[in-house]
Protein backbone atom coordinates (compact mmCIF):
# COMPACT_ATOMS: atom_id res chain seq x y z
CA MET A 1 111.46 131.22 100.54
CA PRO A 2 111.88 127.85 98.76
CA ARG A 3 115.37 126.38 98.90
CA SER A 4 117.29 126.25 95.64
CA VAL A 5 118.96 123.17 94.17
CA GLN A 6 122.56 122.83 95.32
CA HIS A 7 125.04 121.44 92.79
CA TRP A 8 128.67 120.84 93.69
CA SER A 9 130.57 122.66 90.98
CA GLY A 10 132.19 120.11 88.69
CA GLY A 11 130.30 117.29 90.41
CA ILE A 12 131.04 115.43 93.63
CA PRO A 13 134.86 115.01 93.72
CA THR A 14 135.95 111.49 92.79
CA CYS A 15 138.10 111.24 95.92
CA ILE A 16 134.87 111.01 97.94
CA GLN A 17 133.85 107.37 97.86
CA PRO A 18 131.24 105.35 99.78
CA HIS A 19 132.31 103.16 102.66
CA PRO A 20 132.69 99.54 101.45
CA ASP A 21 130.93 97.94 104.43
CA PRO A 22 127.15 98.53 104.69
CA ASP A 23 126.81 96.59 107.94
CA LEU A 24 128.14 98.53 110.93
CA SER A 25 126.69 98.83 114.41
CA ASP A 26 126.14 102.22 116.06
CA ASP A 27 129.25 101.71 118.21
CA GLU A 28 131.33 100.77 115.16
CA ILE A 29 130.16 103.90 113.37
CA LYS A 30 131.06 106.07 116.35
CA GLU A 31 134.56 104.60 116.34
CA GLU A 32 134.92 105.03 112.57
CA VAL A 33 133.97 108.73 112.52
CA LYS A 34 135.44 110.10 115.76
CA GLY A 35 138.55 111.46 114.02
CA TRP A 36 136.42 113.19 111.40
CA LEU A 37 134.28 114.91 114.03
CA LEU A 38 137.39 116.16 115.81
CA PHE A 39 138.76 117.41 112.49
CA VAL A 40 135.55 119.38 111.85
CA LYS A 41 135.63 120.88 115.34
CA GLU A 42 139.25 121.97 115.11
CA ASN A 43 139.04 123.27 111.54
CA TRP A 44 135.66 124.97 111.50
CA VAL A 45 136.06 128.69 110.80
CA SER A 46 133.04 130.91 111.28
CA ALA A 47 132.10 133.41 108.59
CA ALA A 48 133.05 136.27 110.92
CA ASN A 49 136.55 134.88 111.52
CA ALA A 50 136.97 134.20 107.80
CA GLY A 51 135.98 137.75 106.90
CA ALA A 52 133.13 136.38 104.79
CA SER A 53 129.50 137.39 104.63
CA SER A 54 127.53 135.62 107.32
CA ASP A 55 125.22 133.54 105.18
CA ALA A 56 124.37 129.94 104.41
CA GLU A 57 126.39 129.92 101.18
CA TYR A 58 129.65 130.37 103.06
CA GLU A 59 128.84 127.49 105.39
CA LEU A 60 127.86 125.22 102.48
CA LYS A 61 131.19 125.87 100.75
CA HIS A 62 133.07 125.41 104.01
CA ARG A 63 131.41 122.05 104.72
CA ARG A 64 132.28 120.87 101.21
CA GLN A 65 135.88 122.02 101.64
CA LEU A 66 136.23 120.02 104.84
CA VAL A 67 134.68 116.90 103.27
CA GLU A 68 136.99 117.06 100.26
CA LYS A 69 140.07 117.78 102.37
CA TRP A 70 139.45 114.80 104.64
CA ALA A 71 138.60 112.41 101.79
CA SER A 72 141.66 113.40 99.73
CA ALA A 73 144.16 113.56 102.60
CA LYS A 74 146.92 111.05 103.20
CA GLN A 75 146.08 108.38 105.71
CA GLU A 76 148.73 109.69 108.10
CA PHE A 77 146.84 112.99 108.28
CA ARG A 78 143.56 111.28 109.17
CA ASP A 79 145.32 109.02 111.66
CA SER A 80 146.62 112.07 113.50
CA TYR A 81 143.05 112.98 114.39
CA GLN A 82 141.73 109.46 114.82
CA SER A 83 144.42 108.54 117.36
CA ARG A 84 143.55 111.37 119.76
CA ALA A 85 139.79 111.68 119.20
CA PRO A 86 137.36 110.61 121.91
CA VAL A 87 134.10 108.93 121.00
CA GLY A 88 131.76 111.91 121.11
CA LEU A 89 132.97 115.49 121.04
CA PRO A 90 133.26 117.18 124.43
CA GLY A 91 130.32 119.54 124.88
CA THR A 92 127.91 117.48 122.76
CA GLU A 93 126.81 115.11 125.49
CA GLY A 94 123.38 115.04 127.05
CA SER A 95 119.80 114.32 126.14
CA ARG A 96 118.82 114.16 122.51
CA SER A 97 116.73 116.97 121.06
CA ARG A 98 114.35 116.54 118.11
CA GLY A 99 116.26 115.88 114.90
CA GLU A 100 119.60 115.50 116.71
CA GLN A 101 121.86 112.52 116.25
CA ILE A 102 122.54 110.04 119.02
CA GLU A 103 125.29 110.84 121.50
CA GLY A 104 128.72 110.14 120.05
CA LEU A 105 127.69 111.23 116.55
CA ARG A 106 127.01 114.92 117.09
CA TYR A 107 128.77 117.63 115.15
CA PRO A 108 129.85 120.86 116.82
CA ALA A 109 126.87 123.20 116.96
CA GLU A 110 128.61 125.95 114.98
CA ALA A 111 128.90 123.66 111.95
CA LEU A 112 125.12 123.19 111.87
CA GLU A 113 124.00 126.77 112.43
CA ARG A 114 122.48 127.43 108.97
CA ILE A 115 122.43 123.94 107.54
CA TYR A 116 118.67 123.82 106.94
CA ASP A 117 119.01 126.75 104.52
CA THR A 118 121.23 124.74 102.18
CA LEU A 119 119.54 121.35 102.03
CA GLN A 120 118.11 120.13 98.75
CA PRO A 121 114.48 121.12 98.02
CA ASP A 122 112.95 117.64 98.20
CA ASN A 123 109.65 116.57 99.76
CA THR A 124 110.20 113.25 101.49
CA SER A 125 106.49 112.72 102.19
CA GLY A 126 105.64 112.67 98.49
CA LEU A 127 106.85 111.38 95.16
CA ILE A 128 110.30 112.59 94.10
CA CYS A 129 111.06 112.56 90.39
CA ILE A 130 114.76 112.06 89.63
CA ALA A 131 114.35 111.99 85.83
CA PRO A 132 114.92 115.22 83.87
CA VAL A 133 111.52 116.80 83.10
CA ASP A 134 112.54 120.22 81.79
CA GLU A 135 111.74 121.69 78.37
CA ASN A 136 114.46 119.54 76.82
CA HIS A 137 112.62 116.37 77.91
CA PRO A 138 108.98 116.89 76.87
CA GLU A 139 108.15 113.17 76.82
CA ASN A 140 109.32 112.77 80.40
CA ARG A 141 107.28 115.83 81.38
CA ALA A 142 104.13 114.46 79.79
CA ARG A 143 104.59 111.13 81.60
CA LEU A 144 105.21 112.86 84.93
CA VAL A 145 101.95 114.79 84.58
CA LYS A 146 100.08 111.52 83.97
CA PHE A 147 101.93 109.91 86.87
CA ALA A 148 100.87 112.72 89.21
CA ILE A 149 97.23 112.43 88.13
CA LEU A 150 97.29 108.65 88.51
CA LEU A 151 98.34 109.01 92.16
CA TYR A 152 94.74 109.90 93.03
CA ASP A 153 92.10 107.31 93.99
CA TYR A 154 90.47 105.45 91.12
CA ASP A 155 88.40 103.09 93.24
CA ILE A 156 84.94 103.84 94.63
CA GLU A 157 86.09 106.74 96.83
CA ALA A 158 87.51 110.12 95.90
CA GLY A 159 90.89 111.06 97.35
CA HIS A 160 94.61 110.74 96.97
CA CYS A 161 96.90 107.77 97.57
CA ILE A 162 99.84 109.51 99.28
CA ASP A 163 100.51 112.48 101.55
CA SER A 164 101.59 115.09 98.99
CA HIS A 165 99.80 115.49 95.68
CA ILE A 166 102.41 117.47 93.76
CA PRO A 167 105.66 115.59 93.01
CA SER A 168 108.95 117.29 93.75
CA GLU A 169 111.72 117.33 91.18
CA ALA A 170 115.23 116.33 92.16
CA ILE A 171 117.44 118.04 89.61
CA LEU A 172 120.56 115.91 89.77
CA ASN A 173 123.95 117.37 88.94
CA PRO A 174 124.75 116.75 85.24
CA ALA A 175 128.44 116.85 86.17
CA THR A 176 127.83 113.82 88.39
CA THR A 177 125.43 111.77 86.25
CA ASN A 178 123.64 112.03 82.92
CA ASP A 179 121.44 109.00 83.55
CA PRO A 180 119.93 109.42 87.03
CA SER A 181 118.92 106.27 88.88
CA VAL A 182 117.78 105.52 92.43
CA GLU A 183 121.43 104.82 93.32
CA ASP A 184 122.21 108.50 92.62
CA PHE A 185 119.55 109.97 94.88
CA LEU A 186 121.14 109.72 98.33
CA PRO A 187 124.44 111.30 97.19
CA TRP A 188 122.43 114.13 95.63
CA VAL A 189 120.22 114.80 98.61
CA ASP A 190 122.90 114.51 101.33
CA LEU A 191 126.46 114.35 99.99
CA GLU A 192 126.12 117.10 97.39
CA THR A 193 125.17 119.53 100.15
CA ALA A 194 127.69 118.09 102.63
CA ASN A 195 124.71 117.60 104.91
CA PHE A 196 126.16 117.19 108.40
CA LEU A 197 122.74 116.03 109.61
CA SER A 198 123.30 112.87 107.61
CA ILE A 199 126.82 112.24 106.33
CA TYR A 200 129.98 111.25 108.17
CA LEU A 201 133.45 110.42 106.94
CA THR A 202 135.35 107.45 108.28
CA HIS A 203 138.97 107.25 109.39
CA THR A 204 139.85 105.99 105.89
CA GLY A 205 138.07 108.90 104.20
CA THR A 206 134.97 107.10 102.96
CA VAL A 207 131.37 108.29 103.37
CA ILE A 208 128.67 106.89 105.65
CA TYR A 209 125.05 108.03 105.57
CA PHE A 210 123.35 108.02 108.94
CA GLY A 211 120.35 110.28 108.45
CA ARG A 212 117.17 109.33 106.65
CA LEU A 213 117.80 106.09 104.75
CA GLY A 214 114.22 105.54 103.62
CA THR A 215 111.62 104.73 102.78
CA TYR A 216 111.73 107.14 99.80
CA MET A 217 109.26 107.18 96.90
CA LEU A 218 111.26 107.82 93.73
CA VAL A 219 110.54 107.68 90.01
CA ASP A 220 113.32 107.63 87.43
CA GLU A 221 113.08 107.77 83.64
CA LEU A 222 112.32 104.07 83.29
CA GLY A 223 109.68 104.40 85.99
CA LEU A 224 108.02 107.23 84.06
CA GLN A 225 107.97 105.04 80.95
CA THR A 226 106.55 101.98 82.71
CA GLY A 227 104.30 103.67 85.25
CA ARG A 228 105.98 102.50 88.43
CA LEU A 229 107.53 104.40 91.30
CA THR A 230 110.19 102.80 93.46
CA PHE A 231 109.94 102.47 97.22
CA VAL A 232 113.59 102.38 98.24
CA GLU A 233 115.54 101.99 101.46
CA TYR A 234 119.30 102.52 101.54
CA GLU A 235 122.22 101.01 103.38
CA ILE A 236 124.52 103.30 105.38
CA ASN A 237 127.00 103.35 102.50
CA GLY A 238 124.37 104.58 100.06
CA THR A 239 123.75 101.33 98.23
CA VAL A 240 120.17 100.15 97.79
CA GLN A 241 119.17 97.78 100.59
CA GLU A 242 115.67 97.00 99.34
CA SER A 243 113.29 98.32 96.71
CA VAL A 244 109.87 97.54 95.29
CA GLU A 245 108.08 99.01 92.28
CA VAL A 246 104.43 100.09 92.56
CA ARG A 247 101.99 101.58 90.08
CA PRO A 248 100.75 105.06 91.10
CA PHE A 249 97.05 104.16 91.38
CA ASN A 250 97.94 101.13 93.56
CA MET A 251 99.57 103.30 96.21
CA LYS A 252 96.86 103.69 98.86
CA SER A 253 97.58 100.56 100.92
CA PRO A 254 101.36 100.50 100.27
CA ASN A 255 101.60 104.12 101.44
CA LEU A 256 99.64 103.36 104.59
CA ARG A 257 101.96 100.45 105.31
CA ALA A 258 105.06 102.53 104.62
CA HIS A 259 104.23 105.65 106.58
CA HIS A 260 101.19 105.24 108.80
CA SER A 261 101.06 101.69 110.12
CA GLY A 262 103.51 102.06 112.98
CA SER A 263 105.87 99.63 111.25
CA ARG A 264 109.07 100.57 109.48
CA GLY A 265 107.30 100.17 106.16
CA ARG A 266 110.20 98.39 104.52
CA PRO A 267 109.84 97.41 100.86
CA GLU A 268 109.52 93.75 101.83
CA ASP A 269 106.44 94.69 103.90
CA ILE A 270 104.91 96.69 101.05
CA ARG A 271 104.97 93.60 98.82
CA CYS A 272 102.55 91.94 101.23
CA VAL A 273 99.62 94.40 100.99
CA ASP A 274 96.93 94.85 98.35
CA GLY A 275 98.40 97.10 95.67
CA GLY A 276 101.94 96.03 96.41
CA TYR A 277 101.76 92.49 95.06
CA ARG A 278 104.09 91.74 92.18
CA HIS A 279 101.33 90.66 89.79
CA GLN A 280 99.57 94.02 90.33
CA ASN A 281 102.62 96.04 89.32
CA GLN A 282 103.68 94.87 85.89
CA PRO A 283 104.90 97.62 83.50
CA LEU A 284 102.36 100.02 82.00
CA ASP A 285 102.52 101.93 78.73
CA MET A 286 102.58 105.52 79.95
CA ASP A 287 102.37 106.88 76.40
CA LEU A 288 98.75 105.73 76.15
CA PRO A 289 95.98 108.23 76.94
CA ILE A 290 95.51 108.32 80.69
CA VAL A 291 92.07 106.66 80.81
CA ASP A 292 93.30 103.93 78.43
CA ILE A 293 96.08 103.15 80.92
CA LEU A 294 93.48 102.40 83.59
CA CYS A 295 91.25 100.45 81.22
CA GLN A 296 94.13 98.31 79.99
CA ALA A 297 95.06 97.45 83.59
CA LYS A 298 91.45 96.40 84.21
CA GLU A 299 91.37 94.19 81.12
CA VAL A 300 94.13 91.97 82.50
CA ASN A 301 92.54 91.85 85.97
CA LYS A 302 95.46 93.48 87.83
CA LEU A 303 93.65 96.10 89.93
CA PRO A 304 93.62 96.43 93.75
CA ASN A 305 90.89 97.39 96.19
CA THR A 306 87.56 98.22 94.54
CA MET A 307 88.96 99.61 91.29
CA PHE A 308 87.50 96.66 89.38
CA LEU A 309 84.02 98.13 90.01
CA CYS A 310 84.89 101.25 88.01
CA ASP A 311 84.78 101.71 84.24
CA ARG A 312 85.91 104.11 81.53
CA GLU A 313 83.08 106.53 82.22
CA GLN A 314 83.86 106.71 85.93
CA TRP A 315 87.60 107.12 85.36
CA THR A 316 87.03 109.87 82.81
CA SER A 317 84.97 111.67 85.44
CA ASP A 318 87.71 111.04 88.02
CA VAL A 319 90.44 112.57 85.87
CA GLU A 320 88.32 115.66 85.26
CA LEU A 321 87.73 115.96 89.01
CA TYR A 322 91.39 115.56 89.93
CA ALA A 323 92.93 117.48 87.01
CA PRO A 324 90.37 119.88 85.56
CA GLY A 325 91.08 120.57 81.88
CA TYR A 326 93.76 117.91 81.49
CA LEU A 327 91.82 115.66 79.12
CA VAL A 328 91.33 118.53 76.65
CA LEU A 329 95.07 119.22 76.57
CA GLU A 330 95.86 115.51 76.27
CA ALA A 331 93.51 115.17 73.28
CA GLU A 332 95.44 118.00 71.62
CA GLY A 333 98.77 116.26 72.27
CA ARG A 334 99.71 118.88 74.89
CA GLY A 335 99.29 116.92 78.11
CA GLY A 336 102.82 117.77 79.22
CA GLU A 337 101.86 121.45 79.35
CA TYR A 338 99.36 120.86 82.13
CA PRO A 339 100.50 122.78 85.24
CA LEU A 340 100.76 120.52 88.28
CA THR A 341 99.59 123.42 90.43
CA ARG A 342 96.11 122.92 88.93
CA LEU A 343 95.81 119.46 90.44
CA ALA A 344 93.00 119.23 92.97
CA ASP A 345 93.92 119.64 96.62
CA PRO A 346 93.06 116.27 98.23
CA ASN A 347 91.35 118.09 101.12
CA THR A 348 88.82 119.66 98.74
CA ILE A 349 87.76 116.39 97.07
CA ARG A 350 87.68 114.09 100.07
CA GLY A 351 84.08 113.09 100.71
CA ILE A 352 82.84 113.74 97.19
CA LYS A 353 80.56 110.84 96.32
CA LYS A 354 81.34 109.22 92.99
CA GLN A 355 78.66 107.71 90.79
CA VAL A 356 80.13 104.24 91.38
CA MET A 357 79.68 104.73 95.13
CA ILE A 358 76.04 105.65 94.63
CA THR A 359 75.65 102.49 92.56
CA VAL A 360 77.17 100.11 95.11
CA GLU A 361 75.11 101.67 97.92
CA ASP A 362 71.92 100.78 96.07
CA PRO A 363 70.36 97.75 97.85
CA SER A 364 69.69 96.14 94.48
CA PHE A 365 73.37 96.20 93.46
CA SER A 366 75.20 92.88 93.38
CA HIS A 367 78.61 91.72 92.23
CA ALA A 368 80.21 88.30 92.51
CA HIS A 369 83.39 89.71 94.08
CA PHE A 370 82.01 92.57 96.17
CA THR A 371 79.68 92.95 99.13
CA TRP A 372 78.76 96.41 100.35
CA LEU A 373 79.03 96.81 104.11
CA ALA A 374 77.04 99.87 105.04
CA PRO A 375 78.53 102.04 107.83
CA ARG A 376 77.14 101.24 111.26
CA LEU A 377 74.84 103.79 112.80
CA PRO A 378 76.04 105.22 116.12
């Protein structure tokens, strides 16, 4: 069953603030949070002992209660735990299992028992939209549909640029923010759910994030308008460490660098690959018809890879392959009604030979900026 969006009623309490220092070593973090971990261990009450139903909802509320109590407490209260806490809770020592934090930063097992059932429903391997795209925001919805279609390959090969072809929607808490930005994402995904796989509270009551800090692929409302997603990596206090904006159809090489190259794939690295260069990622007009967006990018010579070999006819064929029926709806002014579930599964289109590929394979084909290297025979 898909997880549901978890909103903290009334928004994240204002007493819960990020830690001011983004630059702490692992040992410094262990020292900062040891009192908090002891507090959780000594104050965790199982559903059975609380006389509550044994479900994930109870544990979510209980985690939030503990976070708010620690953050809002007087410093003397926190000091009473900090002064007697060891680095690393007794019973949490030993080798590290998959997904477990390093020794010295492990929560008591009972506080993690059902935590996966209450995490936010995001897909970290794909694009995450943090702009509102419901029925009250039809323009955003129409742009998101175009954005999703433009994440496919528009060069000489058929395929998709990233690992997940359907964007996920991060529905941020309206009680926390009415103008979602990339700075709001990490609190939504980890703090709003009191995610003990990621967040810790310091001895002064501030929040540190020590789970997944990036690289995330996010698109906010401005990104939908200008046709650029944001690769973002966060600091441990939730502030943005680095970010870079990339057009959706430029994403093949940047995505490989970010997630499949064996490197960390930091935004500064993404700027150094074809498709990630600054001049290739100037703002687009996402209110144009989808094929016009591609043609306008070609006119100013800002395309990566072999996209410059393609033309309006090829791109029209591409859109019909990747999103059957979309162009008809778009012509009727109803592009935002296109269901993303109709988008082509990348596995079903990989290997389809485009007309432009047939053209460049012809021995008589020539282009001043392209030389076809035929595959070697075994």
